[in-house]
Amino acid sequence: MSKDLKQAAQRKGSFLQTLKAVAWSFFGVRKASGYEEDVAKINPVHVIIAGILAGLVFVLGLVWLVQWIVGSGAAASAV
């Protein structure tokens, strides 16, 4: 592992702060100052874990939504 990568992995940013940054990235809006703060503080390993978790929650949410719509009959009555 390179020296920069080791230093980045030892950052002390909280996992909650990382989840917040990932949530903002899913939404697609972020201030430049907030982005710069995140880059300086959050741990890249936390970003990967939070991104995978957020992606999983997003996909499962979409699956649930489709099942709910199909099960309610709203999809058939809209045609």
PDB file of N, CA and C in Angstrom:
ATOM      1  N   MET A   1       0.840  -1.177   0.000  1.00  0.00           N
ATOM      2  CA  MET A   1       0.000   0.000   0.000  1.00  0.00           C
ATOM      3  C   MET A   1       0.889   1.244   0.000  1.00  0.00           C
ATOM      4  N   SER A   2       0.463   2.255  -0.741  1.00  0.00           N
ATOM      5  CA  SER A   2       1.261   3.473  -0.792  1.00  0.00           C
ATOM      6  C   SER A   2       1.077   4.278   0.497  1.00  0.00           C
ATOM      7  N   LYS A   3       1.995   5.203   0.720  1.00  0.00           N
ATOM      8  CA  LYS A   3       1.974   6.020   1.932  1.00  0.00           C
ATOM      9  C   LYS A   3       0.700   6.863   2.001  1.00  0.00           C
ATOM     10  N   ASP A   4       0.286   7.454   0.863  1.00  0.00           N
ATOM     11  CA  ASP A   4      -0.913   8.289   0.838  1.00  0.00           C
ATOM     12  C   ASP A   4      -2.166   7.470   1.161  1.00  0.00           C
ATOM     13  N   LEU A   5      -2.237   6.257   0.643  1.00  0.00           N
ATOM     14  CA  LEU A   5      -3.392   5.407   0.893  1.00  0.00           C
ATOM     15  C   LEU A   5      -3.459   4.987   2.356  1.00  0.00           C
ATOM     16  N   LYS A   6      -2.320   4.709   2.953  1.00  0.00           N
ATOM     17  CA  LYS A   6      -2.279   4.360   4.376  1.00  0.00           C
ATOM     18  C   LYS A   6      -2.743   5.535   5.227  1.00  0.00           C
ATOM     19  N   GLN A   7      -2.297   6.736   4.885  1.00  0.00           N
ATOM     20  CA  GLN A   7      -2.704   7.922   5.631  1.00  0.00           C
ATOM     21  C   GLN A   7      -4.200   8.174   5.482  1.00  0.00           C
ATOM     22  N   ALA A   8      -4.727   7.974   4.283  1.00  0.00           N
ATOM     23  CA  ALA A   8      -6.156   8.191   4.053  1.00  0.00           C
ATOM     24  C   ALA A   8      -6.990   7.196   4.845  1.00  0.00           C
ATOM     25  N   ALA A   9      -6.532   5.961   4.934  1.00  0.00           N
ATOM     26  CA  ALA A   9      -7.280   4.930   5.660  1.00  0.00           C
ATOM     27  C   ALA A   9      -7.252   5.156   7.172  1.00  0.00           C
ATOM     28  N   GLN A  10      -6.356   6.006   7.650  1.00  0.00           N
ATOM     29  CA  GLN A  10      -6.254   6.272   9.082  1.00  0.00           C
ATOM     30  C   GLN A  10      -6.981   7.554   9.498  1.00  0.00           C
ATOM     31  N   ARG A  11      -7.712   8.155   8.587  1.00  0.00           N
ATOM     32  CA  ARG A  11      -8.467   9.364   8.926  1.00  0.00           C
ATOM     33  C   ARG A  11      -9.510   9.037   9.983  1.00  0.00           C
ATOM     34  N   LYS A  12      -9.812  10.016  10.805  1.00  0.00           N
ATOM     35  CA  LYS A  12     -10.677   9.802  11.962  1.00  0.00           C
ATOM     36  C   LYS A  12     -12.125  10.248  11.750  1.00  0.00           C
ATOM     37  N   GLY A  13     -12.539  10.458  10.507  1.00  0.00           N
ATOM     38  CA  GLY A  13     -13.921  10.856  10.273  1.00  0.00           C
ATOM     39  C   GLY A  13     -14.884   9.780  10.729  1.00  0.00           C
ATOM     40  N   SER A  14     -16.019  10.192  11.254  1.00  0.00           N
ATOM     41  CA  SER A  14     -16.990   9.225  11.765  1.00  0.00           C
ATOM     42  C   SER A  14     -17.736   8.547  10.614  1.00  0.00           C
ATOM     43  N   PHE A  15     -18.273   7.371  10.910  1.00  0.00           N
ATOM     44  CA  PHE A  15     -19.048   6.650   9.902  1.00  0.00           C
ATOM     45  C   PHE A  15     -20.337   7.412   9.588  1.00  0.00           C
ATOM     46  N   LEU A  16     -20.895   8.092  10.588  1.00  0.00           N
ATOM     47  CA  LEU A  16     -22.096   8.893  10.369  1.00  0.00           C
ATOM     48  C   LEU A  16     -21.814  10.036   9.386  1.00  0.00           C
ATOM     49  N   GLN A  17     -20.671  10.668   9.528  1.00  0.00           N
ATOM     50  CA  GLN A  17     -20.275  11.733   8.600  1.00  0.00           C
ATOM     51  C   GLN A  17     -20.122  11.156   7.187  1.00  0.00           C
ATOM     52  N   THR A  18     -19.586   9.952   7.102  1.00  0.00           N
ATOM     53  CA  THR A  18     -19.431   9.299   5.805  1.00  0.00           C
ATOM     54  C   THR A  18     -20.786   8.982   5.196  1.00  0.00           C
ATOM     55  N   LEU A  19     -21.724   8.474   6.004  1.00  0.00           N
ATOM     56  CA  LEU A  19     -23.069   8.193   5.497  1.00  0.00           C
ATOM     57  C   LEU A  19     -23.735   9.463   4.976  1.00  0.00           C
ATOM     58  N   LYS A  20     -23.521  10.554   5.673  1.00  0.00           N
ATOM     59  CA  LYS A  20     -24.083  11.835   5.250  1.00  0.00           C
ATOM     60  C   LYS A  20     -23.500  12.251   3.884  1.00  0.00           C
ATOM     61  N   ALA A  21     -22.200  12.093   3.720  1.00  0.00           N
ATOM     62  CA  ALA A  21     -21.552  12.453   2.454  1.00  0.00           C
ATOM     63  C   ALA A  21     -22.049  11.564   1.315  1.00  0.00           C
ATOM     64  N   VAL A  22     -22.234  10.281   1.596  1.00  0.00           N
ATOM     65  CA  VAL A  22     -22.727   9.360   0.567  1.00  0.00           C
ATOM     66  C   VAL A  22     -24.173   9.698   0.216  1.00  0.00           C
ATOM     67  N   ALA A  23     -24.977  10.047   1.212  1.00  0.00           N
ATOM     68  CA  ALA A  23     -26.363  10.434   0.952  1.00  0.00           C
ATOM     69  C   ALA A  23     -26.417  11.669   0.057  1.00  0.00           C
ATOM     70  N   TRP A  24     -25.568  12.644   0.333  1.00  0.00           N
ATOM     71  CA  TRP A  24     -25.520  13.830  -0.519  1.00  0.00           C
ATOM     72  C   TRP A  24     -25.104  13.466  -1.939  1.00  0.00           C
ATOM     73  N   SER A  25     -24.197  12.517  -2.078  1.00  0.00           N
ATOM     74  CA  SER A  25     -23.757  12.125  -3.421  1.00  0.00           C
ATOM     75  C   SER A  25     -24.870  11.410  -4.176  1.00  0.00           C
ATOM     76  N   PHE A  26     -25.707  10.636  -3.481  1.00  0.00           N
ATOM     77  CA  PHE A  26     -26.848   9.995  -4.128  1.00  0.00           C
ATOM     78  C   PHE A  26     -27.852  11.051  -4.575  1.00  0.00           C
ATOM     79  N   PHE A  27     -28.015  12.090  -3.774  1.00  0.00           N
ATOM     80  CA  PHE A  27     -28.943  13.169  -4.106  1.00  0.00           C
ATOM     81  C   PHE A  27     -28.392  14.023  -5.240  1.00  0.00           C
ATOM     82  N   GLY A  28     -27.081  14.155  -5.321  1.00  0.00           N
ATOM     83  CA  GLY A  28     -26.441  14.862  -6.420  1.00  0.00           C
ATOM     84  C   GLY A  28     -26.178  16.333  -6.178  1.00  0.00           C
ATOM     85  N   VAL A  29     -26.309  16.771  -4.941  1.00  0.00           N
ATOM     86  CA  VAL A  29     -26.082  18.183  -4.630  1.00  0.00           C
ATOM     87  C   VAL A  29     -25.104  18.257  -3.465  1.00  0.00           C
ATOM     88  N   ARG A  30     -24.082  19.093  -3.607  1.00  0.00           N
ATOM     89  CA  ARG A  30     -23.088  19.227  -2.538  1.00  0.00           C
ATOM     90  C   ARG A  30     -22.364  20.553  -2.695  1.00  0.00           C
ATOM     91  N   LYS A  31     -22.199  21.264  -1.591  1.00  0.00           N
ATOM     92  CA  LYS A  31     -21.409  22.488  -1.616  1.00  0.00           C
ATOM     93  C   LYS A  31     -19.938  22.135  -1.790  1.00  0.00           C
ATOM     94  N   ALA A  32     -19.199  22.999  -2.425  1.00  0.00           N
ATOM     95  CA  ALA A  32     -17.766  22.754  -2.622  1.00  0.00           C
ATOM     96  C   ALA A  32     -17.038  22.682  -1.288  1.00  0.00           C
ATOM     97  N   SER A  33     -17.442  23.529  -0.348  1.00  0.00           N
ATOM     98  CA  SER A  33     -16.774  23.521   0.958  1.00  0.00           C
ATOM     99  C   SER A  33     -17.045  22.209   1.700  1.00  0.00           C
ATOM    100  N   GLY A  34     -18.259  21.690   1.581  1.00  0.00           N
ATOM    101  CA  GLY A  34     -18.584  20.410   2.211  1.00  0.00           C
ATOM    102  C   GLY A  34     -17.817  19.266   1.579  1.00  0.00           C
ATOM    103  N   TYR A  35     -17.672  19.309   0.259  1.00  0.00           N
ATOM    104  CA  TYR A  35     -16.910  18.283  -0.440  1.00  0.00           C
ATOM    105  C   TYR A  35     -15.449  18.297   0.005  1.00  0.00           C
ATOM    106  N   GLU A  36     -14.866  19.470   0.072  1.00  0.00           N
ATOM    107  CA  GLU A  36     -13.459  19.589   0.477  1.00  0.00           C
ATOM    108  C   GLU A  36     -13.256  19.101   1.912  1.00  0.00           C
ATOM    109  N   GLU A  37     -14.210  19.392   2.782  1.00  0.00           N
ATOM    110  CA  GLU A  37     -14.134  18.925   4.171  1.00  0.00           C
ATOM    111  C   GLU A  37     -14.206  17.398   4.227  1.00  0.00           C
ATOM    112  N   ASP A  38     -15.102  16.829   3.424  1.00  0.00           N
ATOM    113  CA  ASP A  38     -15.232  15.371   3.384  1.00  0.00           C
ATOM    114  C   ASP A  38     -13.954  14.707   2.882  1.00  0.00           C
ATOM    115  N   VAL A  39     -13.379  15.258   1.838  1.00  0.00           N
ATOM    116  CA  VAL A  39     -12.152  14.683   1.275  1.00  0.00           C
ATOM    117  C   VAL A  39     -11.027  14.696   2.306  1.00  0.00           C
ATOM    118  N   ALA A  40     -11.007  15.718   3.123  1.00  0.00           N
ATOM    119  CA  ALA A  40      -9.944  15.842   4.116  1.00  0.00           C
ATOM    120  C   ALA A  40     -10.164  14.966   5.345  1.00  0.00           C
ATOM    121  N   LYS A  41     -11.425  14.637   5.663  1.00  0.00           N
ATOM    122  CA  LYS A  41     -11.700  13.986   6.938  1.00  0.00           C
ATOM    123  C   LYS A  41     -12.137  12.531   6.866  1.00  0.00           C
ATOM    124  N   ILE A  42     -12.934  12.171   5.869  1.00  0.00           N
ATOM    125  CA  ILE A  42     -13.526  10.837   5.917  1.00  0.00           C
ATOM    126  C   ILE A  42     -12.579   9.758   5.404  1.00  0.00           C
ATOM    127  N   ASN A  43     -12.791   8.571   5.934  1.00  0.00           N
ATOM    128  CA  ASN A  43     -11.972   7.414   5.629  1.00  0.00           C
ATOM    129  C   ASN A  43     -12.496   6.763   4.338  1.00  0.00           C
ATOM    130  N   PRO A  44     -11.632   6.515   3.350  1.00  0.00           N
ATOM    131  CA  PRO A  44     -12.093   5.923   2.090  1.00  0.00           C
ATOM    132  C   PRO A  44     -12.700   4.525   2.266  1.00  0.00           C
ATOM    133  N   VAL A  45     -12.255   3.784   3.252  1.00  0.00           N
ATOM    134  CA  VAL A  45     -12.841   2.465   3.510  1.00  0.00           C
ATOM    135  C   VAL A  45     -14.289   2.634   3.951  1.00  0.00           C
ATOM    136  N   HIS A  46     -14.552   3.641   4.772  1.00  0.00           N
ATOM    137  CA  HIS A  46     -15.927   3.924   5.193  1.00  0.00           C
ATOM    138  C   HIS A  46     -16.783   4.326   3.994  1.00  0.00           C
ATOM    139  N   VAL A  47     -16.206   5.049   3.051  1.00  0.00           N
ATOM    140  CA  VAL A  47     -16.954   5.478   1.866  1.00  0.00           C
ATOM    141  C   VAL A  47     -17.392   4.263   1.054  1.00  0.00           C
ATOM    142  N   ILE A  48     -16.504   3.309   0.891  1.00  0.00           N
ATOM    143  CA  ILE A  48     -16.829   2.112   0.126  1.00  0.00           C
ATOM    144  C   ILE A  48     -17.947   1.331   0.815  1.00  0.00           C
ATOM    145  N   ILE A  49     -17.829   1.126   2.113  1.00  0.00           N
ATOM    146  CA  ILE A  49     -18.841   0.387   2.864  1.00  0.00           C
ATOM    147  C   ILE A  49     -20.178   1.127   2.827  1.00  0.00           C
ATOM    148  N   ALA A  50     -20.147   2.430   3.068  1.00  0.00           N
ATOM    149  CA  ALA A  50     -21.381   3.222   3.061  1.00  0.00           C
ATOM    150  C   ALA A  50     -22.011   3.245   1.671  1.00  0.00           C
ATOM    151  N   GLY A  51     -21.205   3.313   0.638  1.00  0.00           N
ATOM    152  CA  GLY A  51     -21.726   3.300  -0.729  1.00  0.00           C
ATOM    153  C   GLY A  51     -22.408   1.992  -1.079  1.00  0.00           C
ATOM    154  N   ILE A  52     -21.807   0.890  -0.668  1.00  0.00           N
ATOM    155  CA  ILE A  52     -22.417  -0.418  -0.908  1.00  0.00           C
ATOM    156  C   ILE A  52     -23.731  -0.539  -0.142  1.00  0.00           C
ATOM    157  N   LEU A  53     -23.722  -0.128   1.123  1.00  0.00           N
ATOM    158  CA  LEU A  53     -24.950  -0.188   1.927  1.00  0.00           C
ATOM    159  C   LEU A  53     -26.043   0.711   1.338  1.00  0.00           C
ATOM    160  N   ALA A  54     -25.691   1.913   0.950  1.00  0.00           N
ATOM    161  CA  ALA A  54     -26.675   2.839   0.386  1.00  0.00           C
ATOM    162  C   ALA A  54     -27.218   2.315  -0.944  1.00  0.00           C
ATOM    163  N   GLY A  55     -26.362   1.735  -1.758  1.00  0.00           N
ATOM    164  CA  GLY A  55     -26.815   1.148  -3.023  1.00  0.00           C
ATOM    165  C   GLY A  55     -27.766  -0.016  -2.789  1.00  0.00           C
ATOM    166  N   LEU A  56     -27.459  -0.836  -1.800  1.00  0.00           N
ATOM    167  CA  LEU A  56     -28.313  -1.971  -1.460  1.00  0.00           C
ATOM    168  C   LEU A  56     -29.675  -1.493  -0.960  1.00  0.00           C
ATOM    169  N   VAL A  57     -29.679  -0.499  -0.091  1.00  0.00           N
ATOM    170  CA  VAL A  57     -30.939   0.057   0.420  1.00  0.00           C
ATOM    171  C   VAL A  57     -31.746   0.664  -0.733  1.00  0.00           C
ATOM    172  N   PHE A  58     -31.094   1.340  -1.646  1.00  0.00           N
ATOM    173  CA  PHE A  58     -31.767   1.948  -2.796  1.00  0.00           C
ATOM    174  C   PHE A  58     -32.429   0.889  -3.671  1.00  0.00           C
ATOM    175  N   VAL A  59     -31.681  -0.165  -4.005  1.00  0.00           N
ATOM    176  CA  VAL A  59     -32.220  -1.231  -4.854  1.00  0.00           C
ATOM    177  C   VAL A  59     -33.365  -1.957  -4.151  1.00  0.00           C
ATOM    178  N   LEU A  60     -33.183  -2.295  -2.883  1.00  0.00           N
ATOM    179  CA  LEU A  60     -34.249  -2.968  -2.144  1.00  0.00           C
ATOM    180  C   LEU A  60     -35.489  -2.079  -2.030  1.00  0.00           C
ATOM    181  N   GLY A  61     -35.282  -0.782  -1.880  1.00  0.00           N
ATOM    182  CA  GLY A  61     -36.402   0.153  -1.842  1.00  0.00           C
ATOM    183  C   GLY A  61     -37.165   0.182  -3.155  1.00  0.00           C
ATOM    184  N   LEU A  62     -36.444   0.155  -4.266  1.00  0.00           N
ATOM    185  CA  LEU A  62     -37.105   0.123  -5.575  1.00  0.00           C
ATOM    186  C   LEU A  62     -37.876  -1.176  -5.776  1.00  0.00           C
ATOM    187  N   VAL A  63     -37.284  -2.301  -5.381  1.00  0.00           N
ATOM    188  CA  VAL A  63     -37.962  -3.597  -5.494  1.00  0.00           C
ATOM    189  C   VAL A  63     -39.239  -3.579  -4.660  1.00  0.00           C
ATOM    190  N   TRP A  64     -39.147  -3.084  -3.432  1.00  0.00           N
ATOM    191  CA  TRP A  64     -40.332  -3.001  -2.571  1.00  0.00           C
ATOM    192  C   TRP A  64     -41.397  -2.119  -3.201  1.00  0.00           C
ATOM    193  N   LEU A  65     -41.004  -0.967  -3.748  1.00  0.00           N
ATOM    194  CA  LEU A  65     -41.950  -0.039  -4.366  1.00  0.00           C
ATOM    195  C   LEU A  65     -42.674  -0.692  -5.543  1.00  0.00           C
ATOM    196  N   VAL A  66     -41.935  -1.385  -6.385  1.00  0.00           N
ATOM    197  CA  VAL A  66     -42.553  -2.053  -7.540  1.00  0.00           C
ATOM    198  C   VAL A  66     -43.507  -3.147  -7.075  1.00  0.00           C
ATOM    199  N   GLN A  67     -43.096  -3.932  -6.094  1.00  0.00           N
ATOM    200  CA  GLN A  67     -43.986  -4.979  -5.582  1.00  0.00           C
ATOM    201  C   GLN A  67     -45.250  -4.386  -4.972  1.00  0.00           C
ATOM    202  N   TRP A  68     -45.108  -3.281  -4.274  1.00  0.00           N
ATOM    203  CA  TRP A  68     -46.262  -2.624  -3.664  1.00  0.00           C
ATOM    204  C   TRP A  68     -47.220  -2.105  -4.728  1.00  0.00           C
ATOM    205  N   ILE A  69     -46.678  -1.486  -5.785  1.00  0.00           N
ATOM    206  CA  ILE A  69     -47.518  -0.940  -6.855  1.00  0.00           C
ATOM    207  C   ILE A  69     -48.229  -2.062  -7.598  1.00  0.00           C
ATOM    208  N   VAL A  70     -47.502  -3.111  -7.931  1.00  0.00           N
ATOM    209  CA  VAL A  70     -48.106  -4.235  -8.652  1.00  0.00           C
ATOM    210  C   VAL A  70     -49.143  -4.933  -7.769  1.00  0.00           C
ATOM    211  N   GLY A  71     -48.816  -5.108  -6.491  1.00  0.00           N
ATOM    212  CA  GLY A  71     -49.739  -5.778  -5.577  1.00  0.00           C
ATOM    213  C   GLY A  71     -50.997  -4.989  -5.292  1.00  0.00           C
ATOM    214  N   SER A  72     -50.934  -3.672  -5.354  1.00  0.00           N
ATOM    215  CA  SER A  72     -52.102  -2.848  -5.057  1.00  0.00           C
ATOM    216  C   SER A  72     -53.079  -2.771  -6.226  1.00  0.00           C
ATOM    217  N   GLY A  73     -52.643  -3.176  -7.385  1.00  0.00           N
ATOM    218  CA  GLY A  73     -53.501  -3.119  -8.565  1.00  0.00           C
ATOM    219  C   GLY A  73     -53.473  -1.772  -9.249  1.00  0.00           C
ATOM    220  N   ALA A  74     -52.698  -0.844  -8.736  1.00  0.00           N
ATOM    221  CA  ALA A  74     -52.624   0.491  -9.340  1.00  0.00           C
ATOM    222  C   ALA A  74     -52.024   0.447 -10.730  1.00  0.00           C
ATOM    223  N   ALA A  75     -51.114  -0.497 -10.949  1.00  0.00           N
ATOM    224  CA  ALA A  75     -50.474  -0.604 -12.268  1.00  0.00           C
ATOM    225  C   ALA A  75     -51.476  -1.085 -13.312  1.00  0.00           C
ATOM    226  N   ALA A  76     -52.365  -1.994 -12.946  1.00  0.00           N
ATOM    227  CA  ALA A  76     -53.349  -2.531 -13.906  1.00  0.00           C
ATOM    228  C   ALA A  76     -54.435  -1.507 -14.214  1.00  0.00           C
ATOM    229  N   SER A  77     -54.836  -0.718 -13.222  1.00  0.00           N
ATOM    230  CA  SER A  77     -55.903   0.247 -13.448  1.00  0.00           C
ATOM    231  C   SER A  77     -55.408   1.474 -14.215  1.00  0.00           C
ATOM    232  N   ALA A  78     -54.109   1.679 -14.277  1.00  0.00           N
ATOM    233  CA  ALA A  78     -53.562   2.827 -14.988  1.00  0.00           C
ATOM    234  C   ALA A  78     -53.502   2.598 -16.488  1.00  0.00           C
ATOM    235  N   VAL A  79     -53.639   1.335 -16.919  1.00  0.00           N
ATOM    236  CA  VAL A  79     -53.525   1.003 -18.339  1.00  0.00           C
ATOM    237  C   VAL A  79     -54.803   1.212 -19.055  1.00  0.00           C
TER     238      VAL A  79
END
